[in-house]
ModelCIF file with pLDDT and N, C-alpha, C, O atoms, coordinates in Angstrom:
data_MODEL
#
_entry.id   MODEL 
#
_entity.id                         1 
_entity.type                       polymer 
_entity.pdbx_number_of_molecules   1 
#
_entity_poly.entity_id                      1 
_entity_poly.type                           'polypeptide(L)' 
_entity_poly.nstd_linkage                   no 
_entity_poly.nstd_monomer                   no 
_entity_poly.pdbx_seq_one_letter_code       HWAGEILKAVSILITALSLVHIFIPDIKVKTGMNIALAGIWVTI 
_entity_poly.pdbx_seq_one_letter_code_can   HWAGEILKAVSILITALSLVHIFIPDIKVKTGMNIALAGIWVTI 
_entity_poly.pdbx_strand_id                 A 
#
loop_
_entity_poly_seq.entity_id 
_entity_poly_seq.num 
_entity_poly_seq.mon_id 
_entity_poly_seq.hetero 
1 1  HIS n 
1 2  TRP n 
1 3  ALA n 
1 4  GLY n 
1 5  GLU n 
1 6  ILE n 
1 7  LEU n 
1 8  LYS n 
1 9  ALA n 
1 10 VAL n 
1 11 SER n 
1 12 ILE n 
1 13 LEU n 
1 14 ILE n 
1 15 THR n 
1 16 ALA n 
1 17 LEU n 
1 18 SER n 
1 19 LEU n 
1 20 VAL n 
1 21 HIS n 
1 22 ILE n 
1 23 PHE n 
1 24 ILE n 
1 25 PRO n 
1 26 ASP n 
1 27 ILE n 
1 28 LYS n 
1 29 VAL n 
1 30 LYS n 
1 31 THR n 
1 32 GLY n 
1 33 MET n 
1 34 ASN n 
1 35 ILE n 
1 36 ALA n 
1 37 LEU n 
1 38 ALA n 
1 39 GLY n 
1 40 ILE n 
1 41 TRP n 
1 42 VAL n 
1 43 THR n 
1 44 ILE n 
#
_struct_asym.id          A 
_struct_asym.entity_id   1 
#
loop_
_ma_qa_metric.id 
_ma_qa_metric.mode 
_ma_qa_metric.name 
_ma_qa_metric.software_group_id 
_ma_qa_metric.type 
1 global pLDDT . pLDDT 
2 local  pLDDT . pLDDT 
#
_ma_qa_metric_global.metric_id      1 
_ma_qa_metric_global.metric_value   89.45 
_ma_qa_metric_global.model_id       1 
_ma_qa_metric_global.ordinal_id     1 
#
loop_
_ma_qa_metric_local.label_asym_id 
_ma_qa_metric_local.label_comp_id 
_ma_qa_metric_local.label_seq_id 
_ma_qa_metric_local.metric_id 
_ma_qa_metric_local.metric_value 
_ma_qa_metric_local.model_id 
_ma_qa_metric_local.ordinal_id 
A HIS 1  2 81.00 1 1  
A TRP 2  2 84.00 1 2  
A ALA 3  2 84.00 1 3  
A GLY 4  2 85.00 1 4  
A GLU 5  2 86.00 1 5  
A ILE 6  2 90.00 1 6  
A LEU 7  2 89.00 1 7  
A LYS 8  2 90.00 1 8  
A ALA 9  2 93.00 1 9  
A VAL 10 2 93.00 1 10 
A SER 11 2 92.00 1 11 
A ILE 12 2 94.00 1 12 
A LEU 13 2 93.00 1 13 
A ILE 14 2 93.00 1 14 
A THR 15 2 94.00 1 15 
A ALA 16 2 94.00 1 16 
A LEU 17 2 92.00 1 17 
A SER 18 2 90.00 1 18 
A LEU 19 2 92.00 1 19 
A VAL 20 2 91.00 1 20 
A HIS 21 2 89.00 1 21 
A ILE 22 2 88.00 1 22 
A PHE 23 2 88.00 1 23 
A ILE 24 2 86.00 1 24 
A PRO 25 2 83.00 1 25 
A ASP 26 2 84.00 1 26 
A ILE 27 2 84.00 1 27 
A LYS 28 2 86.00 1 28 
A VAL 29 2 89.00 1 29 
A LYS 30 2 87.00 1 30 
A THR 31 2 88.00 1 31 
A GLY 32 2 89.00 1 32 
A MET 33 2 90.00 1 33 
A ASN 34 2 90.00 1 34 
A ILE 35 2 90.00 1 35 
A ALA 36 2 91.00 1 36 
A LEU 37 2 91.00 1 37 
A ALA 38 2 91.00 1 38 
A GLY 39 2 92.00 1 39 
A ILE 40 2 92.00 1 40 
A TRP 41 2 91.00 1 41 
A VAL 42 2 93.00 1 42 
A THR 43 2 93.00 1 43 
A ILE 44 2 91.00 1 44 
#
loop_
_atom_site.group_PDB 
_atom_site.id 
_atom_site.type_symbol 
_atom_site.label_atom_id 
_atom_site.label_alt_id 
_atom_site.label_comp_id 
_atom_site.label_asym_id 
_atom_site.label_entity_id 
_atom_site.label_seq_id 
_atom_site.pdbx_PDB_ins_code 
_atom_site.Cartn_x 
_atom_site.Cartn_y 
_atom_site.Cartn_z 
_atom_site.occupancy 
_atom_site.B_iso_or_equiv 
_atom_site.pdbx_formal_charge 
_atom_site.auth_seq_id 
_atom_site.auth_comp_id 
_atom_site.auth_asym_id 
_atom_site.auth_atom_id 
_atom_site.pdbx_PDB_model_num 
ATOM 1   N N  . HIS A 1 1  ? 1.058  -0.806 0.444   1.00 81.00 ? 1  HIS A N  1 
ATOM 2   C CA . HIS A 1 1  ? -0.178 0.448  0.073   1.00 81.00 ? 1  HIS A CA 1 
ATOM 3   C C  . HIS A 1 1  ? 0.914  1.077  -0.311  1.00 81.00 ? 1  HIS A C  1 
ATOM 4   O O  . HIS A 1 1  ? 1.100  1.592  -1.414  1.00 81.00 ? 1  HIS A O  1 
ATOM 5   N N  . TRP A 1 2  ? 1.899  1.031  0.904   1.00 84.00 ? 2  TRP A N  1 
ATOM 6   C CA . TRP A 1 2  ? 2.775  2.275  1.219   1.00 84.00 ? 2  TRP A CA 1 
ATOM 7   C C  . TRP A 1 2  ? 3.657  2.666  -0.757  1.00 84.00 ? 2  TRP A C  1 
ATOM 8   O O  . TRP A 1 2  ? 3.808  3.699  -1.409  1.00 84.00 ? 2  TRP A O  1 
ATOM 9   N N  . ALA A 1 3  ? 3.866  1.769  -0.907  1.00 84.00 ? 3  ALA A N  1 
ATOM 10  C CA . ALA A 1 3  ? 4.805  1.692  -2.378  1.00 84.00 ? 3  ALA A CA 1 
ATOM 11  C C  . ALA A 1 3  ? 3.603  2.409  -3.646  1.00 84.00 ? 3  ALA A C  1 
ATOM 12  O O  . ALA A 1 3  ? 3.629  2.878  -4.784  1.00 84.00 ? 3  ALA A O  1 
ATOM 13  N N  . GLY A 1 4  ? 2.900  2.193  -2.860  1.00 85.00 ? 4  GLY A N  1 
ATOM 14  C CA . GLY A 1 4  ? 1.426  2.479  -4.106  1.00 85.00 ? 4  GLY A CA 1 
ATOM 15  C C  . GLY A 1 4  ? 1.326  3.825  -3.883  1.00 85.00 ? 4  GLY A C  1 
ATOM 16  O O  . GLY A 1 4  ? 1.447  4.560  -4.863  1.00 85.00 ? 4  GLY A O  1 
ATOM 17  N N  . GLU A 1 5  ? 1.062  4.479  -2.428  1.00 86.00 ? 5  GLU A N  1 
ATOM 18  C CA . GLU A 1 5  ? 1.083  6.187  -2.414  1.00 86.00 ? 5  GLU A CA 1 
ATOM 19  C C  . GLU A 1 5  ? 2.293  6.834  -2.473  1.00 86.00 ? 5  GLU A C  1 
ATOM 20  O O  . GLU A 1 5  ? 2.421  8.051  -2.340  1.00 86.00 ? 5  GLU A O  1 
ATOM 21  N N  . ILE A 1 6  ? 3.355  5.904  -2.708  1.00 90.00 ? 6  ILE A N  1 
ATOM 22  C CA . ILE A 1 6  ? 4.569  6.712  -2.778  1.00 90.00 ? 6  ILE A CA 1 
ATOM 23  C C  . ILE A 1 6  ? 4.474  6.760  -4.376  1.00 90.00 ? 6  ILE A C  1 
ATOM 24  O O  . ILE A 1 6  ? 4.785  7.886  -4.764  1.00 90.00 ? 6  ILE A O  1 
ATOM 25  N N  . LEU A 1 7  ? 4.137  5.880  -5.443  1.00 89.00 ? 7  LEU A N  1 
ATOM 26  C CA . LEU A 1 7  ? 3.430  6.021  -7.088  1.00 89.00 ? 7  LEU A CA 1 
ATOM 27  C C  . LEU A 1 7  ? 3.085  6.779  -7.239  1.00 89.00 ? 7  LEU A C  1 
ATOM 28  O O  . LEU A 1 7  ? 3.599  7.353  -8.199  1.00 89.00 ? 7  LEU A O  1 
ATOM 29  N N  . LYS A 1 8  ? 2.045  7.476  -6.588  1.00 90.00 ? 8  LYS A N  1 
ATOM 30  C CA . LYS A 1 8  ? 1.081  7.783  -7.143  1.00 90.00 ? 8  LYS A CA 1 
ATOM 31  C C  . LYS A 1 8  ? 1.829  9.186  -6.610  1.00 90.00 ? 8  LYS A C  1 
ATOM 32  O O  . LYS A 1 8  ? 2.762  9.504  -7.348  1.00 90.00 ? 8  LYS A O  1 
ATOM 33  N N  . ALA A 1 9  ? 1.729  9.593  -6.100  1.00 93.00 ? 9  ALA A N  1 
ATOM 34  C CA . ALA A 1 9  ? 2.746  11.057 -5.471  1.00 93.00 ? 9  ALA A CA 1 
ATOM 35  C C  . ALA A 1 9  ? 3.542  11.257 -6.494  1.00 93.00 ? 9  ALA A C  1 
ATOM 36  O O  . ALA A 1 9  ? 3.259  12.240 -7.179  1.00 93.00 ? 9  ALA A O  1 
ATOM 37  N N  . VAL A 1 10 ? 4.404  10.665 -6.795  1.00 93.00 ? 10 VAL A N  1 
ATOM 38  C CA . VAL A 1 10 ? 6.021  10.473 -7.424  1.00 93.00 ? 10 VAL A CA 1 
ATOM 39  C C  . VAL A 1 10 ? 4.694  10.920 -9.184  1.00 93.00 ? 10 VAL A C  1 
ATOM 40  O O  . VAL A 1 10 ? 4.584  12.090 -9.548  1.00 93.00 ? 10 VAL A O  1 
ATOM 41  N N  . SER A 1 11 ? 4.039  9.940  -9.820  1.00 92.00 ? 11 SER A N  1 
ATOM 42  C CA . SER A 1 11 ? 3.274  10.583 -10.854 1.00 92.00 ? 11 SER A CA 1 
ATOM 43  C C  . SER A 1 11 ? 2.944  11.434 -11.083 1.00 92.00 ? 11 SER A C  1 
ATOM 44  O O  . SER A 1 11 ? 2.916  11.799 -12.258 1.00 92.00 ? 11 SER A O  1 
ATOM 45  N N  . ILE A 1 12 ? 2.374  12.462 -9.734  1.00 94.00 ? 12 ILE A N  1 
ATOM 46  C CA . ILE A 1 12 ? 1.760  13.781 -10.663 1.00 94.00 ? 12 ILE A CA 1 
ATOM 47  C C  . ILE A 1 12 ? 2.761  14.249 -9.709  1.00 94.00 ? 12 ILE A C  1 
ATOM 48  O O  . ILE A 1 12 ? 2.331  14.389 -8.565  1.00 94.00 ? 12 ILE A O  1 
ATOM 49  N N  . LEU A 1 13 ? 4.088  14.546 -9.918  1.00 93.00 ? 13 LEU A N  1 
ATOM 50  C CA . LEU A 1 13 ? 5.402  15.175 -9.328  1.00 93.00 ? 13 LEU A CA 1 
ATOM 51  C C  . LEU A 1 13 ? 5.875  15.105 -11.442 1.00 93.00 ? 13 LEU A C  1 
ATOM 52  O O  . LEU A 1 13 ? 5.962  16.146 -12.092 1.00 93.00 ? 13 LEU A O  1 
ATOM 53  N N  . ILE A 1 14 ? 6.118  13.536 -12.148 1.00 93.00 ? 14 ILE A N  1 
ATOM 54  C CA . ILE A 1 14 ? 6.060  13.272 -13.662 1.00 93.00 ? 14 ILE A CA 1 
ATOM 55  C C  . ILE A 1 14 ? 5.468  14.408 -14.242 1.00 93.00 ? 14 ILE A C  1 
ATOM 56  O O  . ILE A 1 14 ? 6.161  15.376 -14.556 1.00 93.00 ? 14 ILE A O  1 
ATOM 57  N N  . THR A 1 15 ? 3.931  14.374 -14.459 1.00 94.00 ? 15 THR A N  1 
ATOM 58  C CA . THR A 1 15 ? 3.137  14.827 -14.684 1.00 94.00 ? 15 THR A CA 1 
ATOM 59  C C  . THR A 1 15 ? 3.115  16.564 -14.473 1.00 94.00 ? 15 THR A C  1 
ATOM 60  O O  . THR A 1 15 ? 3.014  16.954 -15.636 1.00 94.00 ? 15 THR A O  1 
ATOM 61  N N  . ALA A 1 16 ? 3.142  17.354 -13.903 1.00 94.00 ? 16 ALA A N  1 
ATOM 62  C CA . ALA A 1 16 ? 4.006  18.235 -13.191 1.00 94.00 ? 16 ALA A CA 1 
ATOM 63  C C  . ALA A 1 16 ? 4.720  18.618 -13.774 1.00 94.00 ? 16 ALA A C  1 
ATOM 64  O O  . ALA A 1 16 ? 4.391  19.402 -14.664 1.00 94.00 ? 16 ALA A O  1 
ATOM 65  N N  . LEU A 1 17 ? 6.410  18.181 -13.532 1.00 92.00 ? 17 LEU A N  1 
ATOM 66  C CA . LEU A 1 17 ? 7.561  18.288 -14.504 1.00 92.00 ? 17 LEU A CA 1 
ATOM 67  C C  . LEU A 1 17 ? 7.272  18.340 -15.934 1.00 92.00 ? 17 LEU A C  1 
ATOM 68  O O  . LEU A 1 17 ? 7.762  18.999 -16.851 1.00 92.00 ? 17 LEU A O  1 
ATOM 69  N N  . SER A 1 18 ? 5.946  17.093 -15.851 1.00 90.00 ? 18 SER A N  1 
ATOM 70  C CA . SER A 1 18 ? 5.952  17.317 -18.240 1.00 90.00 ? 18 SER A CA 1 
ATOM 71  C C  . SER A 1 18 ? 5.640  18.636 -18.714 1.00 90.00 ? 18 SER A C  1 
ATOM 72  O O  . SER A 1 18 ? 6.406  19.321 -19.392 1.00 90.00 ? 18 SER A O  1 
ATOM 73  N N  . LEU A 1 19 ? 4.241  19.043 -18.255 1.00 92.00 ? 19 LEU A N  1 
ATOM 74  C CA . LEU A 1 19 ? 3.559  20.171 -18.343 1.00 92.00 ? 19 LEU A CA 1 
ATOM 75  C C  . LEU A 1 19 ? 4.678  20.872 -17.981 1.00 92.00 ? 19 LEU A C  1 
ATOM 76  O O  . LEU A 1 19 ? 4.753  21.563 -18.996 1.00 92.00 ? 19 LEU A O  1 
ATOM 77  N N  . VAL A 1 20 ? 5.570  21.209 -17.335 1.00 91.00 ? 20 VAL A N  1 
ATOM 78  C CA . VAL A 1 20 ? 6.138  22.672 -17.308 1.00 91.00 ? 20 VAL A CA 1 
ATOM 79  C C  . VAL A 1 20 ? 7.238  22.581 -18.244 1.00 91.00 ? 20 VAL A C  1 
ATOM 80  O O  . VAL A 1 20 ? 7.598  23.606 -18.823 1.00 91.00 ? 20 VAL A O  1 
ATOM 81  N N  . HIS A 1 21 ? 8.095  20.944 -18.565 1.00 89.00 ? 21 HIS A N  1 
ATOM 82  C CA . HIS A 1 21 ? 8.660  21.065 -19.532 1.00 89.00 ? 21 HIS A CA 1 
ATOM 83  C C  . HIS A 1 21 ? 8.456  21.277 -21.007 1.00 89.00 ? 21 HIS A C  1 
ATOM 84  O O  . HIS A 1 21 ? 9.464  21.121 -21.697 1.00 89.00 ? 21 HIS A O  1 
ATOM 85  N N  . ILE A 1 22 ? 6.904  21.731 -21.859 1.00 88.00 ? 22 ILE A N  1 
ATOM 86  C CA . ILE A 1 22 ? 6.595  22.210 -22.571 1.00 88.00 ? 22 ILE A CA 1 
ATOM 87  C C  . ILE A 1 22 ? 6.430  23.382 -23.058 1.00 88.00 ? 22 ILE A C  1 
ATOM 88  O O  . ILE A 1 22 ? 6.384  23.903 -24.172 1.00 88.00 ? 22 ILE A O  1 
ATOM 89  N N  . PHE A 1 23 ? 6.301  23.885 -21.282 1.00 88.00 ? 23 PHE A N  1 
ATOM 90  C CA . PHE A 1 23 ? 6.438  25.719 -21.440 1.00 88.00 ? 23 PHE A CA 1 
ATOM 91  C C  . PHE A 1 23 ? 8.539  26.517 -21.230 1.00 88.00 ? 23 PHE A C  1 
ATOM 92  O O  . PHE A 1 23 ? 8.968  27.568 -20.753 1.00 88.00 ? 23 PHE A O  1 
ATOM 93  N N  . ILE A 1 24 ? 9.043  25.624 -21.709 1.00 86.00 ? 24 ILE A N  1 
ATOM 94  C CA . ILE A 1 24 ? 10.353 26.381 -21.481 1.00 86.00 ? 24 ILE A CA 1 
ATOM 95  C C  . ILE A 1 24 ? 10.836 25.864 -22.985 1.00 86.00 ? 24 ILE A C  1 
ATOM 96  O O  . ILE A 1 24 ? 10.643 24.939 -23.773 1.00 86.00 ? 24 ILE A O  1 
ATOM 97  N N  . PRO A 1 25 ? 11.877 27.550 -22.793 1.00 83.00 ? 25 PRO A N  1 
ATOM 98  C CA . PRO A 1 25 ? 12.068 27.468 -24.028 1.00 83.00 ? 25 PRO A CA 1 
ATOM 99  C C  . PRO A 1 25 ? 13.266 26.671 -24.768 1.00 83.00 ? 25 PRO A C  1 
ATOM 100 O O  . PRO A 1 25 ? 13.427 25.994 -25.784 1.00 83.00 ? 25 PRO A O  1 
ATOM 101 N N  . ASP A 1 26 ? 14.383 27.387 -23.113 1.00 84.00 ? 26 ASP A N  1 
ATOM 102 C CA . ASP A 1 26 ? 16.040 26.744 -23.179 1.00 84.00 ? 26 ASP A CA 1 
ATOM 103 C C  . ASP A 1 26 ? 16.189 24.806 -23.734 1.00 84.00 ? 26 ASP A C  1 
ATOM 104 O O  . ASP A 1 26 ? 15.588 23.794 -23.376 1.00 84.00 ? 26 ASP A O  1 
ATOM 105 N N  . ILE A 1 27 ? 17.328 25.078 -24.763 1.00 84.00 ? 27 ILE A N  1 
ATOM 106 C CA . ILE A 1 27 ? 16.967 23.333 -24.882 1.00 84.00 ? 27 ILE A CA 1 
ATOM 107 C C  . ILE A 1 27 ? 18.313 23.026 -23.591 1.00 84.00 ? 27 ILE A C  1 
ATOM 108 O O  . ILE A 1 27 ? 18.423 21.821 -23.369 1.00 84.00 ? 27 ILE A O  1 
ATOM 109 N N  . LYS A 1 28 ? 18.730 23.403 -23.237 1.00 86.00 ? 28 LYS A N  1 
ATOM 110 C CA . LYS A 1 28 ? 19.916 23.243 -22.310 1.00 86.00 ? 28 LYS A CA 1 
ATOM 111 C C  . LYS A 1 28 ? 18.624 23.135 -20.916 1.00 86.00 ? 28 LYS A C  1 
ATOM 112 O O  . LYS A 1 28 ? 18.303 22.100 -20.332 1.00 86.00 ? 28 LYS A O  1 
ATOM 113 N N  . VAL A 1 29 ? 18.245 24.102 -20.743 1.00 89.00 ? 29 VAL A N  1 
ATOM 114 C CA . VAL A 1 29 ? 16.621 24.453 -19.614 1.00 89.00 ? 29 VAL A CA 1 
ATOM 115 C C  . VAL A 1 29 ? 16.252 22.196 -19.295 1.00 89.00 ? 29 VAL A C  1 
ATOM 116 O O  . VAL A 1 29 ? 16.498 21.435 -18.359 1.00 89.00 ? 29 VAL A O  1 
ATOM 117 N N  . LYS A 1 30 ? 15.635 22.033 -20.590 1.00 87.00 ? 30 LYS A N  1 
ATOM 118 C CA . LYS A 1 30 ? 15.344 20.661 -21.378 1.00 87.00 ? 30 LYS A CA 1 
ATOM 119 C C  . LYS A 1 30 ? 15.887 20.113 -20.553 1.00 87.00 ? 30 LYS A C  1 
ATOM 120 O O  . LYS A 1 30 ? 15.608 19.772 -19.403 1.00 87.00 ? 30 LYS A O  1 
ATOM 121 N N  . THR A 1 31 ? 17.008 19.997 -21.419 1.00 88.00 ? 31 THR A N  1 
ATOM 122 C CA . THR A 1 31 ? 18.023 19.253 -20.886 1.00 88.00 ? 31 THR A CA 1 
ATOM 123 C C  . THR A 1 31 ? 18.383 18.784 -20.369 1.00 88.00 ? 31 THR A C  1 
ATOM 124 O O  . THR A 1 31 ? 18.898 17.713 -20.690 1.00 88.00 ? 31 THR A O  1 
ATOM 125 N N  . GLY A 1 32 ? 18.361 19.493 -18.609 1.00 89.00 ? 32 GLY A N  1 
ATOM 126 C CA . GLY A 1 32 ? 18.687 19.460 -17.331 1.00 89.00 ? 32 GLY A CA 1 
ATOM 127 C C  . GLY A 1 32 ? 17.287 18.818 -17.017 1.00 89.00 ? 32 GLY A C  1 
ATOM 128 O O  . GLY A 1 32 ? 17.240 17.933 -16.163 1.00 89.00 ? 32 GLY A O  1 
ATOM 129 N N  . MET A 1 33 ? 15.716 19.370 -17.908 1.00 90.00 ? 33 MET A N  1 
ATOM 130 C CA . MET A 1 33 ? 14.942 18.299 -16.406 1.00 90.00 ? 33 MET A CA 1 
ATOM 131 C C  . MET A 1 33 ? 14.612 16.975 -17.427 1.00 90.00 ? 33 MET A C  1 
ATOM 132 O O  . MET A 1 33 ? 13.753 16.195 -17.016 1.00 90.00 ? 33 MET A O  1 
ATOM 133 N N  . ASN A 1 34 ? 15.216 16.702 -18.661 1.00 90.00 ? 34 ASN A N  1 
ATOM 134 C CA . ASN A 1 34 ? 14.891 15.120 -18.977 1.00 90.00 ? 34 ASN A CA 1 
ATOM 135 C C  . ASN A 1 34 ? 15.971 14.745 -18.205 1.00 90.00 ? 34 ASN A C  1 
ATOM 136 O O  . ASN A 1 34 ? 15.702 13.644 -17.725 1.00 90.00 ? 34 ASN A O  1 
ATOM 137 N N  . ILE A 1 35 ? 17.853 15.391 -17.588 1.00 90.00 ? 35 ILE A N  1 
ATOM 138 C CA . ILE A 1 35 ? 19.089 14.591 -16.885 1.00 90.00 ? 35 ILE A CA 1 
ATOM 139 C C  . ILE A 1 35 ? 18.256 13.688 -15.316 1.00 90.00 ? 35 ILE A C  1 
ATOM 140 O O  . ILE A 1 35 ? 18.321 12.505 -14.983 1.00 90.00 ? 35 ILE A O  1 
ATOM 141 N N  . ALA A 1 36 ? 17.276 15.279 -14.434 1.00 91.00 ? 36 ALA A N  1 
ATOM 142 C CA . ALA A 1 36 ? 16.442 14.704 -13.750 1.00 91.00 ? 36 ALA A CA 1 
ATOM 143 C C  . ALA A 1 36 ? 15.671 13.950 -14.160 1.00 91.00 ? 36 ALA A C  1 
ATOM 144 O O  . ALA A 1 36 ? 16.069 12.785 -14.133 1.00 91.00 ? 36 ALA A O  1 
ATOM 145 N N  . LEU A 1 37 ? 14.335 14.165 -14.690 1.00 91.00 ? 37 LEU A N  1 
ATOM 146 C CA . LEU A 1 37 ? 13.397 13.006 -15.341 1.00 91.00 ? 37 LEU A CA 1 
ATOM 147 C C  . LEU A 1 37 ? 13.838 11.638 -15.223 1.00 91.00 ? 37 LEU A C  1 
ATOM 148 O O  . LEU A 1 37 ? 13.108 10.783 -14.722 1.00 91.00 ? 37 LEU A O  1 
ATOM 149 N N  . ALA A 1 38 ? 14.827 11.421 -15.595 1.00 91.00 ? 38 ALA A N  1 
ATOM 150 C CA . ALA A 1 38 ? 15.116 10.220 -15.989 1.00 91.00 ? 38 ALA A CA 1 
ATOM 151 C C  . ALA A 1 38 ? 15.774 9.452  -14.546 1.00 91.00 ? 38 ALA A C  1 
ATOM 152 O O  . ALA A 1 38 ? 15.475 8.587  -13.723 1.00 91.00 ? 38 ALA A O  1 
ATOM 153 N N  . GLY A 1 39 ? 16.675 10.241 -14.812 1.00 92.00 ? 39 GLY A N  1 
ATOM 154 C CA . GLY A 1 39 ? 17.208 9.873  -12.680 1.00 92.00 ? 39 GLY A CA 1 
ATOM 155 C C  . GLY A 1 39 ? 15.455 9.499  -11.680 1.00 92.00 ? 39 GLY A C  1 
ATOM 156 O O  . GLY A 1 39 ? 15.237 8.637  -10.828 1.00 92.00 ? 39 GLY A O  1 
ATOM 157 N N  . ILE A 1 40 ? 14.915 10.107 -12.018 1.00 92.00 ? 40 ILE A N  1 
ATOM 158 C CA . ILE A 1 40 ? 12.974 9.736  -11.565 1.00 92.00 ? 40 ILE A CA 1 
ATOM 159 C C  . ILE A 1 40 ? 13.169 8.805  -11.587 1.00 92.00 ? 40 ILE A C  1 
ATOM 160 O O  . ILE A 1 40 ? 13.535 8.156  -10.607 1.00 92.00 ? 40 ILE A O  1 
ATOM 161 N N  . TRP A 1 41 ? 12.921 8.160  -13.255 1.00 91.00 ? 41 TRP A N  1 
ATOM 162 C CA . TRP A 1 41 ? 11.840 6.875  -13.371 1.00 91.00 ? 41 TRP A CA 1 
ATOM 163 C C  . TRP A 1 41 ? 13.188 5.872  -13.418 1.00 91.00 ? 41 TRP A C  1 
ATOM 164 O O  . TRP A 1 41 ? 13.142 4.642  -13.420 1.00 91.00 ? 41 TRP A O  1 
ATOM 165 N N  . VAL A 1 42 ? 14.269 6.613  -13.452 1.00 93.00 ? 42 VAL A N  1 
ATOM 166 C CA . VAL A 1 42 ? 15.711 4.895  -13.207 1.00 93.00 ? 42 VAL A CA 1 
ATOM 167 C C  . VAL A 1 42 ? 15.200 4.012  -11.428 1.00 93.00 ? 42 VAL A C  1 
ATOM 168 O O  . VAL A 1 42 ? 15.536 2.927  -10.954 1.00 93.00 ? 42 VAL A O  1 
ATOM 169 N N  . THR A 1 43 ? 14.286 5.121  -10.898 1.00 93.00 ? 43 THR A N  1 
ATOM 170 C CA . THR A 1 43 ? 14.004 4.848  -9.444  1.00 93.00 ? 43 THR A CA 1 
ATOM 171 C C  . THR A 1 43 ? 12.626 4.021  -9.373  1.00 93.00 ? 43 THR A C  1 
ATOM 172 O O  . THR A 1 43 ? 12.392 2.884  -8.966  1.00 93.00 ? 43 THR A O  1 
ATOM 173 N N  . ILE A 1 44 ? 11.969 4.820  -9.814  1.00 91.00 ? 44 ILE A N  1 
ATOM 174 C CA . ILE A 1 44 ? 10.482 4.265  -10.042 1.00 91.00 ? 44 ILE A CA 1 
ATOM 175 C C  . ILE A 1 44 ? 10.250 2.714  -9.585  1.00 91.00 ? 44 ILE A C  1 
ATOM 176 O O  . ILE A 1 44 ? 9.144  2.190  -9.718  1.00 91.00 ? 44 ILE A O  1 
#
C-alpha cells in the first residue's frame, strides 16, 4: 500500500514536470529536466 502511495505522489510530480517541460524554451534547461526526469524514472 505504501509503495502505491509513493508511486501516486511521484506520478503527480512527473506529470507536473512534464507540463512545465512544454513551456521551457531553452534547450539546455530542457536537457537538464530530461536528466532529472530520467533519474526519477530509474528509481520508480
